[in-house]
Protein backbone atom coordinates (compact mmCIF):
# COMPACT_ATOMS: atom_id res chain seq x y z
CA MET A 1 -4.52 -28.25 -1.72
CA GLU A 2 -1.90 -29.99 0.41
CA LEU A 3 -0.12 -26.61 0.82
CA ARG A 4 -3.05 -25.05 2.64
CA ASN A 5 -2.83 -27.41 5.63
CA ASN A 6 0.71 -28.34 6.40
CA GLY A 7 2.72 -25.08 6.31
CA LEU A 8 4.65 -25.85 3.16
CA LEU A 9 3.47 -22.65 1.40
CA GLU A 10 4.56 -20.37 4.22
CA LYS A 11 8.00 -22.10 4.24
CA HIS A 12 8.18 -21.67 0.47
CA VAL A 13 7.36 -17.96 0.76
CA VAL A 14 10.00 -17.50 3.48
CA ASP A 15 12.56 -19.41 1.53
CA VAL A 16 11.92 -17.42 -1.69
CA LEU A 17 12.08 -14.09 0.16
CA LYS A 18 15.41 -15.15 1.78
CA GLU A 19 16.76 -16.30 -1.59
CA LYS A 20 15.80 -12.99 -3.19
CA LYS A 21 16.96 -11.05 -0.19
CA LEU A 22 13.62 -9.42 0.28
CA THR A 23 11.66 -8.43 3.35
CA ILE A 24 7.90 -8.51 3.81
CA THR A 25 5.22 -6.96 6.10
CA THR A 26 1.54 -7.46 6.23
CA ALA A 27 -1.29 -4.91 6.65
CA GLU A 28 -4.38 -6.84 7.73
CA SER A 29 -7.92 -5.78 8.59
CA CYS A 30 -10.51 -8.53 8.36
CA THR A 31 -7.97 -11.33 8.98
CA GLY A 32 -6.78 -9.77 12.25
CA GLY A 33 -3.19 -10.97 11.91
CA MET A 34 -3.78 -14.48 10.60
CA ILE A 35 -1.57 -14.04 7.58
CA SER A 36 1.41 -12.80 9.52
CA SER A 37 0.86 -15.55 12.06
CA ARG A 38 1.34 -18.16 9.36
CA ILE A 39 4.64 -16.52 8.31
CA VAL A 40 5.82 -16.27 11.95
CA ASN A 41 5.28 -19.98 12.40
CA VAL A 42 8.07 -20.73 9.93
CA PRO A 43 11.51 -21.14 11.54
CA GLY A 44 13.80 -18.41 10.28
CA ALA A 45 10.93 -16.04 9.33
CA SER A 46 12.57 -13.26 11.37
CA ALA A 47 15.05 -12.91 8.55
CA VAL A 48 12.30 -11.69 6.19
CA LEU A 49 9.32 -10.51 8.27
CA LYS A 50 9.83 -6.85 9.26
CA GLN A 51 6.62 -6.10 11.07
CA ALA A 52 2.91 -6.87 10.88
CA TYR A 53 0.08 -4.46 11.16
CA VAL A 54 -3.51 -5.15 12.16
CA THR A 55 -5.48 -1.99 11.30
CA TYR A 56 -9.09 -3.03 11.87
CA CYS A 57 -10.65 0.49 12.09
CA ASP A 58 -10.42 3.28 9.58
CA GLU A 59 -8.56 5.54 12.00
CA ALA A 60 -5.80 2.89 12.32
CA LYS A 61 -5.65 2.50 8.56
CA HIS A 62 -5.11 6.27 8.34
CA THR A 63 -2.72 6.88 11.26
CA VAL A 64 -0.58 3.75 11.06
CA LEU A 65 -0.56 3.00 7.29
CA GLY A 66 -1.24 6.45 5.88
CA VAL A 67 -4.42 5.55 4.00
CA LYS A 68 -5.86 8.94 2.92
CA LYS A 69 -8.98 10.12 4.73
CA GLU A 70 -10.29 11.06 1.29
CA THR A 71 -9.91 7.43 0.13
CA LEU A 72 -11.75 6.10 3.17
CA GLU A 73 -14.54 8.70 2.68
CA LYS A 74 -14.96 8.26 -1.07
CA TYR A 75 -14.23 4.51 -1.53
CA TYR A 76 -14.57 3.25 2.06
CA ALA A 77 -12.36 0.73 3.87
CA VAL A 78 -13.37 -2.23 1.66
CA SER A 79 -12.09 -1.17 -1.76
CA SER A 80 -9.23 -1.72 -4.07
CA GLN A 81 -8.07 1.83 -3.41
CA THR A 82 -7.80 1.19 0.33
CA ALA A 83 -6.10 -2.25 -0.22
CA CYS A 84 -3.50 -0.54 -2.40
CA GLU A 85 -2.86 2.32 0.02
CA MET A 86 -2.63 -0.21 2.89
CA ALA A 87 -0.05 -2.22 1.03
CA GLU A 88 2.08 0.73 -0.03
CA GLY A 89 1.74 2.38 3.42
CA GLY A 90 2.65 -0.82 5.22
CA ALA A 91 5.80 -1.31 3.09
CA LYS A 92 6.86 2.28 3.71
CA ALA A 93 6.15 2.20 7.45
CA ALA A 94 8.06 -1.05 7.93
CA GLY A 95 10.80 -0.36 5.36
CA ALA A 96 9.93 -3.68 3.69
CA ASP A 97 10.29 -4.66 0.08
CA VAL A 98 6.91 -6.40 -0.07
CA CYS A 99 3.62 -5.81 1.68
CA VAL A 100 0.48 -7.83 1.39
CA SER A 101 -2.72 -6.15 2.59
CA VAL A 102 -6.27 -7.50 3.08
CA THR A 103 -9.54 -5.63 3.75
CA GLY A 104 -13.04 -7.10 3.60
CA VAL A 105 -16.54 -7.46 4.95
CA ALA A 106 -16.73 -10.34 7.43
CA GLY A 107 -20.33 -9.73 8.35
CA PRO A 108 -22.81 -10.50 9.51
CA ASP A 109 -24.04 -7.25 7.94
CA THR A 110 -23.08 -5.54 4.70
CA GLU A 111 -20.76 -2.57 4.97
CA ASP A 112 -20.95 0.60 2.89
CA GLY A 113 -22.96 -1.27 0.26
CA LYS A 114 -20.47 -4.08 -0.01
CA PRO A 115 -21.80 -7.60 0.59
CA VAL A 116 -20.59 -9.95 3.19
CA GLY A 117 -17.70 -11.87 1.78
CA CYS A 118 -16.33 -8.96 -0.38
CA VAL A 119 -12.57 -8.74 0.00
CA PHE A 120 -9.68 -6.84 -1.59
CA ILE A 121 -6.10 -8.04 -1.34
CA GLY A 122 -3.32 -5.64 -2.12
CA CYS A 123 0.35 -6.27 -2.92
CA PHE A 124 3.15 -3.72 -2.94
CA TYR A 125 6.40 -4.87 -4.59
CA ASN A 126 9.20 -3.19 -6.45
CA GLY A 127 7.54 0.26 -6.34
CA SER A 128 4.27 -0.97 -7.80
CA VAL A 129 0.93 -1.72 -6.12
CA ASN A 130 -2.11 -3.65 -7.31
CA ALA A 131 -5.17 -5.19 -5.76
CA VAL A 132 -7.43 -8.15 -6.50
CA GLY A 133 -11.07 -8.23 -5.43
CA TYR A 134 -13.47 -11.14 -5.08
CA GLY A 135 -16.30 -12.46 -2.95
CA LYS A 136 -16.73 -15.49 -0.76
CA SER A 137 -19.74 -16.07 1.35
CA ALA A 138 -19.13 -17.55 4.83
CA ASP A 139 -19.63 -16.88 8.50
CA ARG A 140 -17.16 -14.35 10.22
CA HIS A 141 -14.66 -16.96 11.25
CA GLY A 142 -14.94 -18.90 8.05
CA PHE A 143 -14.61 -15.68 6.01
CA ALA A 144 -11.40 -14.61 7.84
CA ARG A 145 -9.90 -18.07 7.50
CA HIS A 146 -10.76 -18.17 3.83
CA CYS A 147 -9.19 -14.74 3.24
CA ASP A 148 -6.09 -15.97 5.08
CA ASN A 149 -6.00 -19.06 2.93
CA VAL A 150 -6.47 -17.21 -0.32
CA THR A 151 -3.87 -14.63 0.60
CA SER A 152 -1.31 -17.14 1.99
CA ALA A 153 -2.01 -20.17 -0.07
CA GLY A 154 -4.71 -19.61 -2.67
CA PHE A 155 -2.48 -17.79 -5.02
CA TYR A 156 -0.64 -20.99 -5.42
CA ALA A 157 -3.51 -23.43 -5.35
CA GLU A 158 -6.55 -21.67 -6.86
CA ASN A 159 -7.23 -21.92 -10.55
CA LYS A 160 -9.64 -19.11 -11.10
CA THR A 161 -9.22 -15.55 -12.37
CA VAL A 162 -10.06 -12.35 -10.47
CA PRO A 163 -10.02 -8.71 -11.53
CA VAL A 164 -6.84 -6.74 -10.99
CA TYR A 165 -7.52 -3.13 -10.01
CA ARG A 166 -5.66 0.07 -10.61
CA GLY A 167 -7.45 2.82 -8.79
CA ASN A 168 -11.19 2.18 -9.07
CA ARG A 169 -11.34 0.17 -12.24
CA ALA A 170 -10.49 -3.40 -13.16
CA VAL A 171 -7.72 -3.34 -15.75
CA THR A 172 -7.32 -6.98 -16.40
CA ARG A 173 -8.08 -10.39 -14.99
CA ALA A 174 -5.36 -12.52 -13.55
CA PRO A 175 -5.08 -15.95 -11.97
CA LEU A 176 -4.98 -15.86 -8.20
CA TYR A 177 -1.97 -18.12 -8.21
CA GLY A 178 -0.04 -15.53 -10.24
CA PHE A 179 -0.91 -12.43 -8.44
CA ILE A 180 2.01 -12.19 -6.06
CA ALA A 181 4.60 -13.01 -8.60
CA VAL A 182 7.53 -12.27 -6.28
CA PHE A 183 6.76 -15.47 -4.44
CA TYR A 184 6.75 -17.57 -7.54
CA GLY A 185 9.56 -16.36 -9.67
CA GLY A 186 8.05 -13.16 -11.05
């Protein structure tokens, strides 16, 4: 838990990306740039962070990241499909090796039948893209902060499993801390 509060995880992420000569970008919706902000706060992050995208509305997801209109119409913005397309589109748009995306329902109301707290986090790396989905109940600010923590630090610190999606179905369950393997030796 220490990593969540003192910036060590972000430094570790930047150091690993430097060591592996990889670049990263983020494609954020419900976190509004919180994830990229954590990376930017690390001295030397400019060596690995290409760009960061905040695509809060569907139109931005489509025009900036290339999320297909069909995906947004069929599965909506908060889905594993959209998280995957955001991650892949962000990596391609920025010319980055890695892209982490996040899309979720911050509330206070449900969205397209998804409950408040529903979130999908996508990761593009090495030509492959996957997404994890889970739920966490909180107010808007608490929800965004929690998504940021899970995306930035929870993979390292959490010890629970979540579904890993390919398309619209869960294909396996994986520990949060192992999802973005590139950060941790995968």
